[in-house]
Amino acid sequence: MNYYSKDQAPVTRAPQDHNVRINNRKEMEITGVKEVDSFDNEEFLLETVMGYMIIRGQNLQLKNLDVGSGAVSIKGKVYELSYVDGDSQEKAKGFFGKLFK
């Protein structure tokens, strides 16, 4: 993937790994997060390097967000974790964007 510096010279960055760690369904640590699109206490929509990820649960809270490294920590009771692949990504983003405006 190429990015451009201030002087427009291409800067190549290695692709980032994507890992998910769940501890007792109460805490999650996720790497490879490109963007947190929306969240509330029952659902998170994250854009990761592997596609969009939806996390559903109860009393979910954003514990830590490190934009530089793409790491996110979430606490609360996790019920479901799923990925949205292919053409469904834009539909998911549009659907959740309408819900959380």
PDB file of N, CA and C in Angstrom:
ATOM      1  N   MET A   1       0.847  -1.162   0.000  1.00  0.00           N
ATOM      2  CA  MET A   1       0.000   0.000   0.000  1.00  0.00           C
ATOM      3  C   MET A   1       0.895   1.228   0.000  1.00  0.00           C
ATOM      4  N   ASN A   2       0.594   2.193  -0.843  1.00  0.00           N
ATOM      5  CA  ASN A   2       1.389   3.408  -0.917  1.00  0.00           C
ATOM      6  C   ASN A   2       0.672   4.576  -0.269  1.00  0.00           C
ATOM      7  N   TYR A   3       1.400   5.324   0.509  1.00  0.00           N
ATOM      8  CA  TYR A   3       0.929   6.566   1.082  1.00  0.00           C
ATOM      9  C   TYR A   3       1.879   7.646   0.589  1.00  0.00           C
ATOM     10  N   TYR A   4       1.470   8.907   0.678  1.00  0.00           N
ATOM     11  CA  TYR A   4       2.323   9.985   0.199  1.00  0.00           C
ATOM     12  C   TYR A   4       2.696  10.903   1.348  1.00  0.00           C
ATOM     13  N   SER A   5       3.968  11.271   1.376  1.00  0.00           N
ATOM     14  CA  SER A   5       4.442  12.192   2.390  1.00  0.00           C
ATOM     15  C   SER A   5       4.094  13.614   1.962  1.00  0.00           C
ATOM     16  N   LYS A   6       4.448  14.593   2.785  1.00  0.00           N
ATOM     17  CA  LYS A   6       4.130  15.990   2.486  1.00  0.00           C
ATOM     18  C   LYS A   6       4.713  16.456   1.164  1.00  0.00           C
ATOM     19  N   ASP A   7       5.875  15.932   0.778  1.00  0.00           N
ATOM     20  CA  ASP A   7       6.486  16.328  -0.492  1.00  0.00           C
ATOM     21  C   ASP A   7       6.038  15.431  -1.643  1.00  0.00           C
ATOM     22  N   GLN A   8       4.961  14.659  -1.450  1.00  0.00           N
ATOM     23  CA  GLN A   8       4.346  13.792  -2.443  1.00  0.00           C
ATOM     24  C   GLN A   8       5.223  12.615  -2.874  1.00  0.00           C
ATOM     25  N   ALA A   9       6.232  12.271  -2.103  1.00  0.00           N
ATOM     26  CA  ALA A   9       7.039  11.094  -2.392  1.00  0.00           C
ATOM     27  C   ALA A   9       6.324   9.882  -1.802  1.00  0.00           C
ATOM     28  N   PRO A  10       6.173   8.798  -2.569  1.00  0.00           N
ATOM     29  CA  PRO A  10       5.460   7.632  -2.037  1.00  0.00           C
ATOM     30  C   PRO A  10       6.197   6.993  -0.871  1.00  0.00           C
ATOM     31  N   VAL A  11       5.432   6.634   0.128  1.00  0.00           N
ATOM     32  CA  VAL A  11       5.950   5.945   1.303  1.00  0.00           C
ATOM     33  C   VAL A  11       5.226   4.609   1.371  1.00  0.00           C
ATOM     34  N   THR A  12       5.948   3.514   1.338  1.00  0.00           N
ATOM     35  CA  THR A  12       5.345   2.190   1.363  1.00  0.00           C
ATOM     36  C   THR A  12       5.299   1.682   2.794  1.00  0.00           C
ATOM     37  N   ARG A  13       4.112   1.218   3.199  1.00  0.00           N
ATOM     38  CA  ARG A  13       3.946   0.643   4.529  1.00  0.00           C
ATOM     39  C   ARG A  13       3.563  -0.820   4.389  1.00  0.00           C
ATOM     40  N   ALA A  14       4.078  -1.623   5.259  1.00  0.00           N
ATOM     41  CA  ALA A  14       3.743  -3.051   5.239  1.00  0.00           C
ATOM     42  C   ALA A  14       2.292  -3.236   5.667  1.00  0.00           C
ATOM     43  N   PRO A  15       1.608  -4.214   5.088  1.00  0.00           N
ATOM     44  CA  PRO A  15       0.236  -4.468   5.513  1.00  0.00           C
ATOM     45  C   PRO A  15       0.196  -4.839   6.989  1.00  0.00           C
ATOM     46  N   GLN A  16      -0.836  -4.388   7.668  1.00  0.00           N
ATOM     47  CA  GLN A  16      -0.941  -4.599   9.100  1.00  0.00           C
ATOM     48  C   GLN A  16      -1.641  -5.922   9.390  1.00  0.00           C
ATOM     49  N   ASP A  17      -1.179  -6.612  10.431  1.00  0.00           N
ATOM     50  CA  ASP A  17      -1.825  -7.850  10.862  1.00  0.00           C
ATOM     51  C   ASP A  17      -3.159  -7.531  11.524  1.00  0.00           C
ATOM     52  N   HIS A  18      -4.059  -8.491  11.471  1.00  0.00           N
ATOM     53  CA  HIS A  18      -5.360  -8.357  12.116  1.00  0.00           C
ATOM     54  C   HIS A  18      -5.513  -9.507  13.105  1.00  0.00           C
ATOM     55  N   ASN A  19      -5.646  -9.164  14.371  1.00  0.00           N
ATOM     56  CA  ASN A  19      -5.815 -10.165  15.420  1.00  0.00           C
ATOM     57  C   ASN A  19      -6.976  -9.768  16.318  1.00  0.00           C
ATOM     58  N   VAL A  20      -7.663 -10.788  16.830  1.00  0.00           N
ATOM     59  CA  VAL A  20      -8.753 -10.571  17.774  1.00  0.00           C
ATOM     60  C   VAL A  20      -8.507 -11.464  18.976  1.00  0.00           C
ATOM     61  N   ARG A  21      -8.542 -10.863  20.149  1.00  0.00           N
ATOM     62  CA  ARG A  21      -8.391 -11.625  21.391  1.00  0.00           C
ATOM     63  C   ARG A  21      -9.584 -11.321  22.283  1.00  0.00           C
ATOM     64  N   ILE A  22     -10.286 -12.360  22.702  1.00  0.00           N
ATOM     65  CA  ILE A  22     -11.439 -12.200  23.590  1.00  0.00           C
ATOM     66  C   ILE A  22     -11.112 -12.908  24.904  1.00  0.00           C
ATOM     67  N   ASN A  23     -11.269 -12.192  25.998  1.00  0.00           N
ATOM     68  CA  ASN A  23     -10.981 -12.730  27.316  1.00  0.00           C
ATOM     69  C   ASN A  23     -12.285 -12.882  28.096  1.00  0.00           C
ATOM     70  N   ASN A  24     -12.721 -14.129  28.294  1.00  0.00           N
ATOM     71  CA  ASN A  24     -13.920 -14.443  29.083  1.00  0.00           C
ATOM     72  C   ASN A  24     -15.176 -13.701  28.608  1.00  0.00           C
ATOM     73  N   ARG A  25     -15.251 -13.415  27.325  1.00  0.00           N
ATOM     74  CA  ARG A  25     -16.380 -12.694  26.728  1.00  0.00           C
ATOM     75  C   ARG A  25     -16.616 -11.331  27.367  1.00  0.00           C
ATOM     76  N   LYS A  26     -15.637 -10.807  28.093  1.00  0.00           N
ATOM     77  CA  LYS A  26     -15.789  -9.534  28.788  1.00  0.00           C
ATOM     78  C   LYS A  26     -14.867  -8.450  28.255  1.00  0.00           C
ATOM     79  N   GLU A  27     -13.786  -8.840  27.612  1.00  0.00           N
ATOM     80  CA  GLU A  27     -12.824  -7.875  27.076  1.00  0.00           C
ATOM     81  C   GLU A  27     -12.341  -8.345  25.715  1.00  0.00           C
ATOM     82  N   MET A  28     -12.189  -7.397  24.792  1.00  0.00           N
ATOM     83  CA  MET A  28     -11.687  -7.707  23.450  1.00  0.00           C
ATOM     84  C   MET A  28     -10.537  -6.773  23.129  1.00  0.00           C
ATOM     85  N   GLU A  29      -9.533  -7.313  22.482  1.00  0.00           N
ATOM     86  CA  GLU A  29      -8.443  -6.523  21.937  1.00  0.00           C
ATOM     87  C   GLU A  29      -8.357  -6.853  20.460  1.00  0.00           C
ATOM     88  N   ILE A  30      -8.413  -5.832  19.622  1.00  0.00           N
ATOM     89  CA  ILE A  30      -8.444  -6.020  18.175  1.00  0.00           C
ATOM     90  C   ILE A  30      -7.341  -5.178  17.561  1.00  0.00           C
ATOM     91  N   THR A  31      -6.538  -5.773  16.684  1.00  0.00           N
ATOM     92  CA  THR A  31      -5.526  -5.028  15.942  1.00  0.00           C
ATOM     93  C   THR A  31      -5.896  -5.032  14.463  1.00  0.00           C
ATOM     94  N   GLY A  32      -5.283  -4.137  13.712  1.00  0.00           N
ATOM     95  CA  GLY A  32      -5.576  -4.031  12.291  1.00  0.00           C
ATOM     96  C   GLY A  32      -6.845  -3.249  12.014  1.00  0.00           C
ATOM     97  N   VAL A  33      -7.237  -2.383  12.944  1.00  0.00           N
ATOM     98  CA  VAL A  33      -8.441  -1.568  12.775  1.00  0.00           C
ATOM     99  C   VAL A  33      -8.082  -0.299  12.019  1.00  0.00           C
ATOM    100  N   LYS A  34      -8.782  -0.071  10.917  1.00  0.00           N
ATOM    101  CA  LYS A  34      -8.558   1.126  10.118  1.00  0.00           C
ATOM    102  C   LYS A  34      -9.431   2.293  10.602  1.00  0.00           C
ATOM    103  N   GLU A  35     -10.654   1.968  11.033  1.00  0.00           N
ATOM    104  CA  GLU A  35     -11.581   3.025  11.434  1.00  0.00           C
ATOM    105  C   GLU A  35     -12.687   2.440  12.300  1.00  0.00           C
ATOM    106  N   VAL A  36     -13.109   3.206  13.301  1.00  0.00           N
ATOM    107  CA  VAL A  36     -14.297   2.863  14.077  1.00  0.00           C
ATOM    108  C   VAL A  36     -15.431   3.660  13.457  1.00  0.00           C
ATOM    109  N   ASP A  37     -16.299   2.984  12.707  1.00  0.00           N
ATOM    110  CA  ASP A  37     -17.361   3.681  11.984  1.00  0.00           C
ATOM    111  C   ASP A  37     -18.477   4.132  12.909  1.00  0.00           C
ATOM    112  N   SER A  38     -18.903   3.268  13.815  1.00  0.00           N
ATOM    113  CA  SER A  38     -19.962   3.635  14.756  1.00  0.00           C
ATOM    114  C   SER A  38     -19.941   2.663  15.927  1.00  0.00           C
ATOM    115  N   PHE A  39     -20.496   3.136  17.032  1.00  0.00           N
ATOM    116  CA  PHE A  39     -20.600   2.247  18.191  1.00  0.00           C
ATOM    117  C   PHE A  39     -21.611   2.798  19.181  1.00  0.00           C
ATOM    118  N   ASP A  40     -22.191   1.890  19.919  1.00  0.00           N
ATOM    119  CA  ASP A  40     -23.009   2.221  21.073  1.00  0.00           C
ATOM    120  C   ASP A  40     -22.855   1.085  22.081  1.00  0.00           C
ATOM    121  N   ASN A  41     -23.696   1.045  23.096  1.00  0.00           N
ATOM    122  CA  ASN A  41     -23.498   0.038  24.146  1.00  0.00           C
ATOM    123  C   ASN A  41     -23.922  -1.369  23.741  1.00  0.00           C
ATOM    124  N   GLU A  42     -24.495  -1.528  22.523  1.00  0.00           N
ATOM    125  CA  GLU A  42     -24.898  -2.856  22.062  1.00  0.00           C
ATOM    126  C   GLU A  42     -24.216  -3.299  20.772  1.00  0.00           C
ATOM    127  N   GLU A  43     -23.558  -2.372  20.047  1.00  0.00           N
ATOM    128  CA  GLU A  43     -22.994  -2.755  18.757  1.00  0.00           C
ATOM    129  C   GLU A  43     -21.851  -1.825  18.332  1.00  0.00           C
ATOM    130  N   PHE A  44     -20.809  -2.446  17.781  1.00  0.00           N
ATOM    131  CA  PHE A  44     -19.676  -1.724  17.209  1.00  0.00           C
ATOM    132  C   PHE A  44     -19.557  -2.102  15.736  1.00  0.00           C
ATOM    133  N   LEU A  45     -19.252  -1.133  14.889  1.00  0.00           N
ATOM    134  CA  LEU A  45     -18.941  -1.389  13.489  1.00  0.00           C
ATOM    135  C   LEU A  45     -17.534  -0.860  13.246  1.00  0.00           C
ATOM    136  N   LEU A  46     -16.600  -1.778  12.961  1.00  0.00           N
ATOM    137  CA  LEU A  46     -15.201  -1.432  12.754  1.00  0.00           C
ATOM    138  C   LEU A  46     -14.790  -1.778  11.336  1.00  0.00           C
ATOM    139  N   GLU A  47     -14.003  -0.911  10.714  1.00  0.00           N
ATOM    140  CA  GLU A  47     -13.378  -1.263   9.446  1.00  0.00           C
ATOM    141  C   GLU A  47     -11.985  -1.762   9.771  1.00  0.00           C
ATOM    142  N   THR A  48     -11.709  -3.018   9.404  1.00  0.00           N
ATOM    143  CA  THR A  48     -10.401  -3.607   9.668  1.00  0.00           C
ATOM    144  C   THR A  48      -9.695  -3.858   8.338  1.00  0.00           C
ATOM    145  N   VAL A  49      -8.447  -4.254   8.412  1.00  0.00           N
ATOM    146  CA  VAL A  49      -7.693  -4.579   7.202  1.00  0.00           C
ATOM    147  C   VAL A  49      -8.231  -5.840   6.532  1.00  0.00           C
ATOM    148  N   MET A  50      -9.091  -6.591   7.217  1.00  0.00           N
ATOM    149  CA  MET A  50      -9.690  -7.813   6.672  1.00  0.00           C
ATOM    150  C   MET A  50     -11.168  -7.631   6.333  1.00  0.00           C
ATOM    151  N   GLY A  51     -11.667  -6.406   6.343  1.00  0.00           N
ATOM    152  CA  GLY A  51     -13.069  -6.132   6.048  1.00  0.00           C
ATOM    153  C   GLY A  51     -13.781  -5.549   7.254  1.00  0.00           C
ATOM    154  N   TYR A  52     -15.068  -5.294   7.080  1.00  0.00           N
ATOM    155  CA  TYR A  52     -15.856  -4.730   8.175  1.00  0.00           C
ATOM    156  C   TYR A  52     -16.169  -5.803   9.201  1.00  0.00           C
ATOM    157  N   MET A  53     -16.103  -5.417  10.474  1.00  0.00           N
ATOM    158  CA  MET A  53     -16.370  -6.312  11.590  1.00  0.00           C
ATOM    159  C   MET A  53     -17.504  -5.722  12.414  1.00  0.00           C
ATOM    160  N   ILE A  54     -18.461  -6.566  12.770  1.00  0.00           N
ATOM    161  CA  ILE A  54     -19.571  -6.151  13.622  1.00  0.00           C
ATOM    162  C   ILE A  54     -19.469  -6.925  14.928  1.00  0.00           C
ATOM    163  N   ILE A  55     -19.520  -6.194  16.032  1.00  0.00           N
ATOM    164  CA  ILE A  55     -19.472  -6.797  17.364  1.00  0.00           C
ATOM    165  C   ILE A  55     -20.764  -6.422  18.068  1.00  0.00           C
ATOM    166  N   ARG A  56     -21.465  -7.424  18.560  1.00  0.00           N
ATOM    167  CA  ARG A  56     -22.710  -7.172  19.281  1.00  0.00           C
ATOM    168  C   ARG A  56     -22.584  -7.717  20.691  1.00  0.00           C
ATOM    169  N   GLY A  57     -23.238  -7.017  21.626  1.00  0.00           N
ATOM    170  CA  GLY A  57     -23.183  -7.451  23.010  1.00  0.00           C
ATOM    171  C   GLY A  57     -24.010  -6.569  23.909  1.00  0.00           C
ATOM    172  N   GLN A  58     -23.632  -6.554  25.171  1.00  0.00           N
ATOM    173  CA  GLN A  58     -24.357  -5.799  26.186  1.00  0.00           C
ATOM    174  C   GLN A  58     -23.352  -4.971  26.978  1.00  0.00           C
ATOM    175  N   ASN A  59     -23.702  -3.724  27.246  1.00  0.00           N
ATOM    176  CA  ASN A  59     -22.843  -2.796  28.006  1.00  0.00           C
ATOM    177  C   ASN A  59     -21.457  -2.663  27.374  1.00  0.00           C
ATOM    178  N   LEU A  60     -21.388  -2.630  26.055  1.00  0.00           N
ATOM    179  CA  LEU A  60     -20.113  -2.494  25.363  1.00  0.00           C
ATOM    180  C   LEU A  60     -19.591  -1.069  25.514  1.00  0.00           C
ATOM    181  N   GLN A  61     -18.297  -0.954  25.793  1.00  0.00           N
ATOM    182  CA  GLN A  61     -17.656   0.344  25.960  1.00  0.00           C
ATOM    183  C   GLN A  61     -16.308   0.325  25.259  1.00  0.00           C
ATOM    184  N   LEU A  62     -15.970   1.446  24.631  1.00  0.00           N
ATOM    185  CA  LEU A  62     -14.660   1.599  24.017  1.00  0.00           C
ATOM    186  C   LEU A  62     -13.671   1.891  25.135  1.00  0.00           C
ATOM    187  N   LYS A  63     -12.822   0.933  25.418  1.00  0.00           N
ATOM    188  CA  LYS A  63     -11.871   1.052  26.523  1.00  0.00           C
ATOM    189  C   LYS A  63     -10.617   1.797  26.088  1.00  0.00           C
ATOM    190  N   ASN A  64     -10.120   1.471  24.875  1.00  0.00           N
ATOM    191  CA  ASN A  64      -8.893   2.098  24.384  1.00  0.00           C
ATOM    192  C   ASN A  64      -8.924   2.129  22.863  1.00  0.00           C
ATOM    193  N   LEU A  65      -8.455   3.235  22.289  1.00  0.00           N
ATOM    194  CA  LEU A  65      -8.346   3.375  20.846  1.00  0.00           C
ATOM    195  C   LEU A  65      -6.995   3.996  20.542  1.00  0.00           C
ATOM    196  N   ASP A  66      -6.149   3.260  19.823  1.00  0.00           N
ATOM    197  CA  ASP A  66      -4.844   3.753  19.406  1.00  0.00           C
ATOM    198  C   ASP A  66      -4.854   3.845  17.889  1.00  0.00           C
ATOM    199  N   VAL A  67      -5.130   5.037  17.382  1.00  0.00           N
ATOM    200  CA  VAL A  67      -5.263   5.250  15.942  1.00  0.00           C
ATOM    201  C   VAL A  67      -3.953   4.941  15.218  1.00  0.00           C
ATOM    202  N   GLY A  68      -2.834   5.290  15.801  1.00  0.00           N
ATOM    203  CA  GLY A  68      -1.530   5.079  15.171  1.00  0.00           C
ATOM    204  C   GLY A  68      -1.224   3.623  14.898  1.00  0.00           C
ATOM    205  N   SER A  69      -1.537   2.757  15.857  1.00  0.00           N
ATOM    206  CA  SER A  69      -1.231   1.334  15.688  1.00  0.00           C
ATOM    207  C   SER A  69      -2.435   0.524  15.204  1.00  0.00           C
ATOM    208  N   GLY A  70      -3.621   1.135  15.176  1.00  0.00           N
ATOM    209  CA  GLY A  70      -4.811   0.422  14.734  1.00  0.00           C
ATOM    210  C   GLY A  70      -5.322  -0.579  15.749  1.00  0.00           C
ATOM    211  N   ALA A  71      -5.106  -0.288  17.035  1.00  0.00           N
ATOM    212  CA  ALA A  71      -5.537  -1.192  18.098  1.00  0.00           C
ATOM    213  C   ALA A  71      -6.756  -0.629  18.825  1.00  0.00           C
ATOM    214  N   VAL A  72      -7.714  -1.502  19.101  1.00  0.00           N
ATOM    215  CA  VAL A  72      -8.939  -1.120  19.808  1.00  0.00           C
ATOM    216  C   VAL A  72      -9.169  -2.113  20.928  1.00  0.00           C
ATOM    217  N   SER A  73      -9.580  -1.611  22.097  1.00  0.00           N
ATOM    218  CA  SER A  73      -9.976  -2.459  23.221  1.00  0.00           C
ATOM    219  C   SER A  73     -11.419  -2.137  23.561  1.00  0.00           C
ATOM    220  N   ILE A  74     -12.205  -3.185  23.751  1.00  0.00           N
ATOM    221  CA  ILE A  74     -13.623  -3.040  24.065  1.00  0.00           C
ATOM    222  C   ILE A  74     -13.914  -3.887  25.292  1.00  0.00           C
ATOM    223  N   LYS A  75     -14.722  -3.344  26.205  1.00  0.00           N
ATOM    224  CA  LYS A  75     -15.148  -4.147  27.351  1.00  0.00           C
ATOM    225  C   LYS A  75     -16.671  -4.209  27.367  1.00  0.00           C
ATOM    226  N   GLY A  76     -17.197  -5.245  27.986  1.00  0.00           N
ATOM    227  CA  GLY A  76     -18.625  -5.512  28.036  1.00  0.00           C
ATOM    228  C   GLY A  76     -18.852  -6.966  27.665  1.00  0.00           C
ATOM    229  N   LYS A  77     -20.089  -7.435  27.730  1.00  0.00           N
ATOM    230  CA  LYS A  77     -20.385  -8.832  27.420  1.00  0.00           C
ATOM    231  C   LYS A  77     -20.567  -8.998  25.917  1.00  0.00           C
ATOM    232  N   VAL A  78     -19.723  -9.820  25.305  1.00  0.00           N
ATOM    233  CA  VAL A  78     -19.747 -10.043  23.861  1.00  0.00           C
ATOM    234  C   VAL A  78     -20.674 -11.210  23.540  1.00  0.00           C
ATOM    235  N   TYR A  79     -21.663 -10.954  22.659  1.00  0.00           N
ATOM    236  CA  TYR A  79     -22.586 -11.995  22.208  1.00  0.00           C
ATOM    237  C   TYR A  79     -22.227 -12.506  20.820  1.00  0.00           C
ATOM    238  N   GLU A  80     -21.745 -11.609  19.949  1.00  0.00           N
ATOM    239  CA  GLU A  80     -21.558 -11.994  18.552  1.00  0.00           C
ATOM    240  C   GLU A  80     -20.434 -11.171  17.931  1.00  0.00           C
ATOM    241  N   LEU A  81     -19.695 -11.832  17.048  1.00  0.00           N
ATOM    242  CA  LEU A  81     -18.643 -11.191  16.269  1.00  0.00           C
ATOM    243  C   LEU A  81     -18.792 -11.711  14.846  1.00  0.00           C
ATOM    244  N   SER A  82     -18.889 -10.806  13.875  1.00  0.00           N
ATOM    245  CA  SER A  82     -19.024 -11.255  12.493  1.00  0.00           C
ATOM    246  C   SER A  82     -18.322 -10.285  11.559  1.00  0.00           C
ATOM    247  N   TYR A  83     -17.996 -10.791  10.382  1.00  0.00           N
ATOM    248  CA  TYR A  83     -17.360 -10.001   9.336  1.00  0.00           C
ATOM    249  C   TYR A  83     -18.329  -9.840   8.173  1.00  0.00           C
ATOM    250  N   VAL A  84     -18.235  -8.699   7.522  1.00  0.00           N
ATOM    251  CA  VAL A  84     -19.019  -8.442   6.326  1.00  0.00           C
ATOM    252  C   VAL A  84     -18.034  -8.368   5.179  1.00  0.00           C
ATOM    253  N   ASP A  85     -18.183  -9.267   4.192  1.00  0.00           N
ATOM    254  CA  ASP A  85     -17.231  -9.348   3.090  1.00  0.00           C
ATOM    255  C   ASP A  85     -17.818  -8.830   1.783  1.00  0.00           C
ATOM    256  N   GLY A  86     -16.923  -8.540   0.843  1.00  0.00           N
ATOM    257  CA  GLY A  86     -17.284  -8.228  -0.535  1.00  0.00           C
ATOM    258  C   GLY A  86     -18.201  -7.047  -0.700  1.00  0.00           C
ATOM    259  N   ASP A  87     -19.231  -7.212  -1.562  1.00  0.00           N
ATOM    260  CA  ASP A  87     -20.141  -6.130  -1.899  1.00  0.00           C
ATOM    261  C   ASP A  87     -20.990  -5.690  -0.712  1.00  0.00           C
ATOM    262  N   SER A  88     -21.107  -6.515   0.280  1.00  0.00           N
ATOM    263  CA  SER A  88     -21.939  -6.179   1.441  1.00  0.00           C
ATOM    264  C   SER A  88     -21.315  -5.094   2.304  1.00  0.00           C
ATOM    265  N   GLN A  89     -20.017  -4.793   2.113  1.00  0.00           N
ATOM    266  CA  GLN A  89     -19.349  -3.795   2.944  1.00  0.00           C
ATOM    267  C   GLN A  89     -20.008  -2.432   2.821  1.00  0.00           C
ATOM    268  N   GLU A  90     -20.253  -1.976   1.616  1.00  0.00           N
ATOM    269  CA  GLU A  90     -20.860  -0.664   1.432  1.00  0.00           C
ATOM    270  C   GLU A  90     -22.284  -0.647   1.956  1.00  0.00           C
ATOM    271  N   LYS A  91     -23.010  -1.743   1.778  1.00  0.00           N
ATOM    272  CA  LYS A  91     -24.366  -1.831   2.308  1.00  0.00           C
ATOM    273  C   LYS A  91     -24.343  -1.740   3.826  1.00  0.00           C
ATOM    274  N   ALA A  92     -23.420  -2.451   4.455  1.00  0.00           N
ATOM    275  CA  ALA A  92     -23.315  -2.430   5.913  1.00  0.00           C
ATOM    276  C   ALA A  92     -22.963  -1.038   6.398  1.00  0.00           C
ATOM    277  N   LYS A  93     -21.994  -0.414   5.751  1.00  0.00           N
ATOM    278  CA  LYS A  93     -21.576   0.922   6.171  1.00  0.00           C
ATOM    279  C   LYS A  93     -22.724   1.906   5.997  1.00  0.00           C
ATOM    280  N   GLY A  94     -23.425   1.817   4.874  1.00  0.00           N
ATOM    281  CA  GLY A  94     -24.555   2.716   4.627  1.00  0.00           C
ATOM    282  C   GLY A  94     -25.689   2.484   5.604  1.00  0.00           C
ATOM    283  N   PHE A  95     -26.001   1.223   5.878  1.00  0.00           N
ATOM    284  CA  PHE A  95     -27.070   0.883   6.803  1.00  0.00           C
ATOM    285  C   PHE A  95     -26.758   1.388   8.213  1.00  0.00           C
ATOM    286  N   PHE A  96     -25.547   1.085   8.693  1.00  0.00           N
ATOM    287  CA  PHE A  96     -25.177   1.515  10.037  1.00  0.00           C
ATOM    288  C   PHE A  96     -24.954   3.022  10.107  1.00  0.00           C
ATOM    289  N   GLY A  97     -24.516   3.613   9.015  1.00  0.00           N
ATOM    290  CA  GLY A  97     -24.370   5.068   8.981  1.00  0.00           C
ATOM    291  C   GLY A  97     -25.702   5.762   9.174  1.00  0.00           C
ATOM    292  N   LYS A  98     -26.771   5.213   8.590  1.00  0.00           N
ATOM    293  CA  LYS A  98     -28.107   5.784   8.741  1.00  0.00           C
ATOM    294  C   LYS A  98     -28.616   5.603  10.172  1.00  0.00           C
ATOM    295  N   LEU A  99     -28.311   4.455  10.757  1.00  0.00           N
ATOM    296  CA  LEU A  99     -28.776   4.176  12.118  1.00  0.00           C
ATOM    297  C   LEU A  99     -28.131   5.089  13.153  1.00  0.00           C
ATOM    298  N   PHE A 100     -26.857   5.424  12.951  1.00  0.00           N
ATOM    299  CA  PHE A 100     -26.112   6.118  14.002  1.00  0.00           C
ATOM    300  C   PHE A 100     -25.850   7.580  13.713  1.00  0.00           C
ATOM    301  N   LYS A 101     -26.639   8.192  12.843  1.00  0.00           N
ATOM    302  CA  LYS A 101     -26.466   9.634  12.569  1.00  0.00           C
ATOM    303  C   LYS A 101     -27.024  10.449  13.680  1.00  0.00           C
TER     304      LYS A 101
END
